[in-house]
Amino acid sequence: PLRRVGLNFLRFRRALGLLAFLYVALHLTAWIWLDMGLRWDEMLADLTRRPFVIVGMIGFVVLVPLALTSWNGAIRRMGGAAWARLHKLAYVAILAGMAHYILLSKVWTGGLVLYTALAVALLAVRLVPKRSPRRQLAT
């Protein structure tokens, strides 16, 4: 959507996606190791008690196939159309991340409102159909 306003990050799309996955994986690792202390029974209990943990896990699970197929060989093997359909899961991941952040926060801070508004705006722009150039009528 940012291309419509003159920002073209198409060259960096794959790198940005993989960096987002790395960030989420590190976030999950910090939760498992630092917050939970590798206590798996407490982690399972957290999954049932805290909705933001469940939503965060859903977002991570959705990102895994996207990261695994973000290389040229996967695109060739899957075919462009199937790969593109799979990578629409990025929208689910964005919504899950946004919901995770909202549910985690107890107070609506400026940052929370800004990030939520930005995510909603970018997703909303994706819903607006692209304008195609009008065909010239022969006279």
C-alpha atoms as a PDB file:
ATOM      1  CA  PRO A   1       0.000   0.000   0.000  1.00  0.00           C
ATOM      2  CA  LEU A   2       2.867   2.405   0.587  1.00  0.00           C
ATOM      3  CA  ARG A   3       3.680   2.373  -3.144  1.00  0.00           C
ATOM      4  CA  ARG A   4       0.483   4.322  -3.695  1.00  0.00           C
ATOM      5  CA  VAL A   5       1.982   7.227  -1.750  1.00  0.00           C
ATOM      6  CA  GLY A   6       5.410   7.000  -3.358  1.00  0.00           C
ATOM      7  CA  LEU A   7       7.298   4.687  -0.961  1.00  0.00           C
ATOM      8  CA  ASN A   8       8.542   1.580  -2.751  1.00  0.00           C
ATOM      9  CA  PHE A   9       9.905  -1.108  -0.442  1.00  0.00           C
ATOM     10  CA  LEU A  10       9.295  -3.942  -2.914  1.00  0.00           C
ATOM     11  CA  ARG A  11      13.013  -4.731  -3.100  1.00  0.00           C
ATOM     12  CA  PHE A  12      13.114  -5.189   0.662  1.00  0.00           C
ATOM     13  CA  ARG A  13       9.840  -7.090   1.079  1.00  0.00           C
ATOM     14  CA  ARG A  14      11.424 -10.512   1.648  1.00  0.00           C
ATOM     15  CA  ALA A  15      14.075  -9.136   4.009  1.00  0.00           C
ATOM     16  CA  LEU A  16      11.457  -7.195   5.986  1.00  0.00           C
ATOM     17  CA  GLY A  17       9.282 -10.305   6.271  1.00  0.00           C
ATOM     18  CA  LEU A  18      12.179 -12.429   7.480  1.00  0.00           C
ATOM     19  CA  LEU A  19      13.223  -9.723   9.930  1.00  0.00           C
ATOM     20  CA  ALA A  20       9.653  -9.634  11.249  1.00  0.00           C
ATOM     21  CA  PHE A  21       9.777 -13.413  11.695  1.00  0.00           C
ATOM     22  CA  LEU A  22      13.147 -13.134  13.462  1.00  0.00           C
ATOM     23  CA  TYR A  23      11.742 -10.479  15.791  1.00  0.00           C
ATOM     24  CA  VAL A  24       8.718 -12.627  16.636  1.00  0.00           C
ATOM     25  CA  ALA A  25      10.927 -15.719  17.143  1.00  0.00           C
ATOM     26  CA  LEU A  26      13.209 -13.757  19.483  1.00  0.00           C
ATOM     27  CA  HIS A  27      10.164 -12.399  21.319  1.00  0.00           C
ATOM     28  CA  LEU A  28       8.866 -15.956  21.776  1.00  0.00           C
ATOM     29  CA  THR A  29      12.316 -17.149  22.867  1.00  0.00           C
ATOM     30  CA  ALA A  30      12.519 -14.377  25.478  1.00  0.00           C
ATOM     31  CA  TRP A  31       9.083 -15.362  26.801  1.00  0.00           C
ATOM     32  CA  ILE A  32       9.988 -19.071  26.958  1.00  0.00           C
ATOM     33  CA  TRP A  33      13.445 -18.609  28.432  1.00  0.00           C
ATOM     34  CA  LEU A  34      13.376 -15.399  30.458  1.00  0.00           C
ATOM     35  CA  ASP A  35       9.750 -15.031  31.517  1.00  0.00           C
ATOM     36  CA  MET A  36       8.806 -18.690  31.904  1.00  0.00           C
ATOM     37  CA  GLY A  37      12.238 -20.066  32.794  1.00  0.00           C
ATOM     38  CA  LEU A  38      11.715 -23.079  30.499  1.00  0.00           C
ATOM     39  CA  ARG A  39       8.897 -24.293  32.765  1.00  0.00           C
ATOM     40  CA  TRP A  40       6.707 -25.999  30.162  1.00  0.00           C
ATOM     41  CA  ASP A  41       3.820 -26.698  32.542  1.00  0.00           C
ATOM     42  CA  GLU A  42       3.532 -22.984  33.348  1.00  0.00           C
ATOM     43  CA  MET A  43       3.688 -22.126  29.652  1.00  0.00           C
ATOM     44  CA  LEU A  44       0.779 -24.487  28.940  1.00  0.00           C
ATOM     45  CA  ALA A  45      -1.143 -22.960  31.846  1.00  0.00           C
ATOM     46  CA  ASP A  46      -0.455 -19.479  30.435  1.00  0.00           C
ATOM     47  CA  LEU A  47      -1.867 -20.609  27.096  1.00  0.00           C
ATOM     48  CA  THR A  48      -5.198 -21.386  28.746  1.00  0.00           C
ATOM     49  CA  ARG A  49      -5.294 -18.389  31.114  1.00  0.00           C
ATOM     50  CA  ARG A  50      -4.099 -15.510  29.001  1.00  0.00           C
ATOM     51  CA  PRO A  51      -5.757 -14.733  25.679  1.00  0.00           C
ATOM     52  CA  PHE A  52      -2.870 -12.531  24.497  1.00  0.00           C
ATOM     53  CA  VAL A  53      -0.530 -15.534  24.701  1.00  0.00           C
ATOM     54  CA  ILE A  54      -2.897 -17.644  22.590  1.00  0.00           C
ATOM     55  CA  VAL A  55      -3.239 -14.910  19.967  1.00  0.00           C
ATOM     56  CA  GLY A  56       0.527 -14.390  19.937  1.00  0.00           C
ATOM     57  CA  MET A  57       1.104 -18.111  19.394  1.00  0.00           C
ATOM     58  CA  ILE A  58      -1.381 -18.109  16.533  1.00  0.00           C
ATOM     59  CA  GLY A  59       0.530 -15.245  14.941  1.00  0.00           C
ATOM     60  CA  PHE A  60       3.821 -17.116  15.319  1.00  0.00           C
ATOM     61  CA  VAL A  61       2.397 -20.353  13.894  1.00  0.00           C
ATOM     62  CA  VAL A  62       1.046 -18.434  10.908  1.00  0.00           C
ATOM     63  CA  LEU A  63       4.461 -16.855  10.279  1.00  0.00           C
ATOM     64  CA  VAL A  64       6.362 -20.163  10.247  1.00  0.00           C
ATOM     65  CA  PRO A  65       5.220 -21.352   6.777  1.00  0.00           C
ATOM     66  CA  LEU A  66       5.784 -17.859   5.411  1.00  0.00           C
ATOM     67  CA  ALA A  67       9.383 -17.822   6.626  1.00  0.00           C
ATOM     68  CA  LEU A  68       9.994 -21.373   5.395  1.00  0.00           C
ATOM     69  CA  THR A  69       8.793 -20.516   1.885  1.00  0.00           C
ATOM     70  CA  SER A  70      10.562 -17.180   1.521  1.00  0.00           C
ATOM     71  CA  TRP A  71      13.280 -18.448  -0.781  1.00  0.00           C
ATOM     72  CA  ASN A  72      13.369 -18.713  -4.561  1.00  0.00           C
ATOM     73  CA  GLY A  73      13.344 -22.532  -4.606  1.00  0.00           C
ATOM     74  CA  ALA A  74      10.117 -22.666  -2.598  1.00  0.00           C
ATOM     75  CA  ILE A  75       8.485 -20.196  -4.953  1.00  0.00           C
ATOM     76  CA  ARG A  76       9.506 -22.307  -7.972  1.00  0.00           C
ATOM     77  CA  ARG A  77       8.368 -25.574  -6.365  1.00  0.00           C
ATOM     78  CA  MET A  78       5.032 -24.237  -5.163  1.00  0.00           C
ATOM     79  CA  GLY A  79       4.266 -22.166  -8.216  1.00  0.00           C
ATOM     80  CA  GLY A  80       3.700 -18.450  -8.071  1.00  0.00           C
ATOM     81  CA  ALA A  81      -0.068 -18.591  -7.573  1.00  0.00           C
ATOM     82  CA  ALA A  82       0.057 -21.081  -4.677  1.00  0.00           C
ATOM     83  CA  TRP A  83       2.931 -19.173  -3.087  1.00  0.00           C
ATOM     84  CA  ALA A  84       0.991 -15.903  -3.350  1.00  0.00           C
ATOM     85  CA  ARG A  85      -2.104 -17.509  -1.783  1.00  0.00           C
ATOM     86  CA  LEU A  86      -0.024 -18.871   1.098  1.00  0.00           C
ATOM     87  CA  HIS A  87       1.612 -15.519   1.705  1.00  0.00           C
ATOM     88  CA  LYS A  88      -1.772 -13.876   2.188  1.00  0.00           C
ATOM     89  CA  LEU A  89      -1.423 -15.352   5.678  1.00  0.00           C
ATOM     90  CA  ALA A  90       0.702 -12.291   6.365  1.00  0.00           C
ATOM     91  CA  TYR A  91      -2.571 -10.399   6.858  1.00  0.00           C
ATOM     92  CA  VAL A  92      -3.623 -12.912   9.526  1.00  0.00           C
ATOM     93  CA  ALA A  93      -0.234 -12.506  11.197  1.00  0.00           C
ATOM     94  CA  ILE A  94      -0.600  -8.715  11.214  1.00  0.00           C
ATOM     95  CA  LEU A  95      -4.050  -8.950  12.784  1.00  0.00           C
ATOM     96  CA  ALA A  96      -2.811 -11.482  15.350  1.00  0.00           C
ATOM     97  CA  GLY A  97       0.139  -9.267  16.262  1.00  0.00           C
ATOM     98  CA  MET A  98      -2.113  -6.261  16.599  1.00  0.00           C
ATOM     99  CA  ALA A  99      -4.592  -8.204  18.760  1.00  0.00           C
ATOM    100  CA  HIS A 100      -1.717  -9.604  20.860  1.00  0.00           C
ATOM    101  CA  TYR A 101      -0.453  -6.092  21.563  1.00  0.00           C
ATOM    102  CA  ILE A 102      -3.927  -4.730  22.346  1.00  0.00           C
ATOM    103  CA  LEU A 103      -4.801  -7.626  24.684  1.00  0.00           C
ATOM    104  CA  LEU A 104      -1.421  -7.415  26.401  1.00  0.00           C
ATOM    105  CA  SER A 105      -1.757  -3.707  27.166  1.00  0.00           C
ATOM    106  CA  LYS A 106      -3.800  -2.725  30.144  1.00  0.00           C
ATOM    107  CA  VAL A 107      -3.849   0.938  29.136  1.00  0.00           C
ATOM    108  CA  TRP A 108      -4.355   2.540  25.737  1.00  0.00           C
ATOM    109  CA  THR A 109      -1.103   4.445  25.326  1.00  0.00           C
ATOM    110  CA  GLY A 110      -0.169   6.698  22.437  1.00  0.00           C
ATOM    111  CA  GLY A 111       2.091   4.028  20.969  1.00  0.00           C
ATOM    112  CA  LEU A 112      -0.644   1.413  21.091  1.00  0.00           C
ATOM    113  CA  VAL A 113      -3.115   3.711  19.374  1.00  0.00           C
ATOM    114  CA  LEU A 114      -0.536   4.753  16.768  1.00  0.00           C
ATOM    115  CA  TYR A 115       0.520   1.185  15.887  1.00  0.00           C
ATOM    116  CA  THR A 116      -3.066  -0.050  15.804  1.00  0.00           C
ATOM    117  CA  ALA A 117      -4.174   2.843  13.598  1.00  0.00           C
ATOM    118  CA  LEU A 118      -1.215   2.329  11.281  1.00  0.00           C
ATOM    119  CA  ALA A 119      -1.877  -1.412  10.923  1.00  0.00           C
ATOM    120  CA  VAL A 120      -5.604  -0.888  10.341  1.00  0.00           C
ATOM    121  CA  ALA A 121      -4.935   1.883   7.815  1.00  0.00           C
ATOM    122  CA  LEU A 122      -2.424  -0.208   5.844  1.00  0.00           C
ATOM    123  CA  LEU A 123      -4.772  -3.204   5.804  1.00  0.00           C
ATOM    124  CA  ALA A 124      -7.698  -0.987   4.796  1.00  0.00           C
ATOM    125  CA  VAL A 125      -5.714   0.431   1.883  1.00  0.00           C
ATOM    126  CA  ARG A 126      -5.162  -3.147   0.681  1.00  0.00           C
ATOM    127  CA  LEU A 127      -8.938  -3.575   0.493  1.00  0.00           C
ATOM    128  CA  VAL A 128      -9.348  -0.599  -1.832  1.00  0.00           C
ATOM    129  CA  PRO A 129      -9.106  -1.814  -5.427  1.00  0.00           C
ATOM    130  CA  LYS A 130      -6.278  -0.435  -7.524  1.00  0.00           C
ATOM    131  CA  ARG A 131      -7.287   1.998 -10.214  1.00  0.00           C
ATOM    132  CA  SER A 132      -6.620   0.700 -13.670  1.00  0.00           C
ATOM    133  CA  PRO A 133      -5.821   3.162 -16.416  1.00  0.00           C
ATOM    134  CA  ARG A 134      -8.877   4.012 -18.470  1.00  0.00           C
ATOM    135  CA  ARG A 135      -8.922   2.612 -21.923  1.00  0.00           C
ATOM    136  CA  GLN A 136      -8.677   5.117 -24.712  1.00  0.00           C
ATOM    137  CA  LEU A 137     -11.749   4.999 -26.902  1.00  0.00           C
ATOM    138  CA  ALA A 138     -10.985   5.167 -30.572  1.00  0.00           C
ATOM    139  CA  THR A 139     -12.867   8.001 -32.211  1.00  0.00           C
END
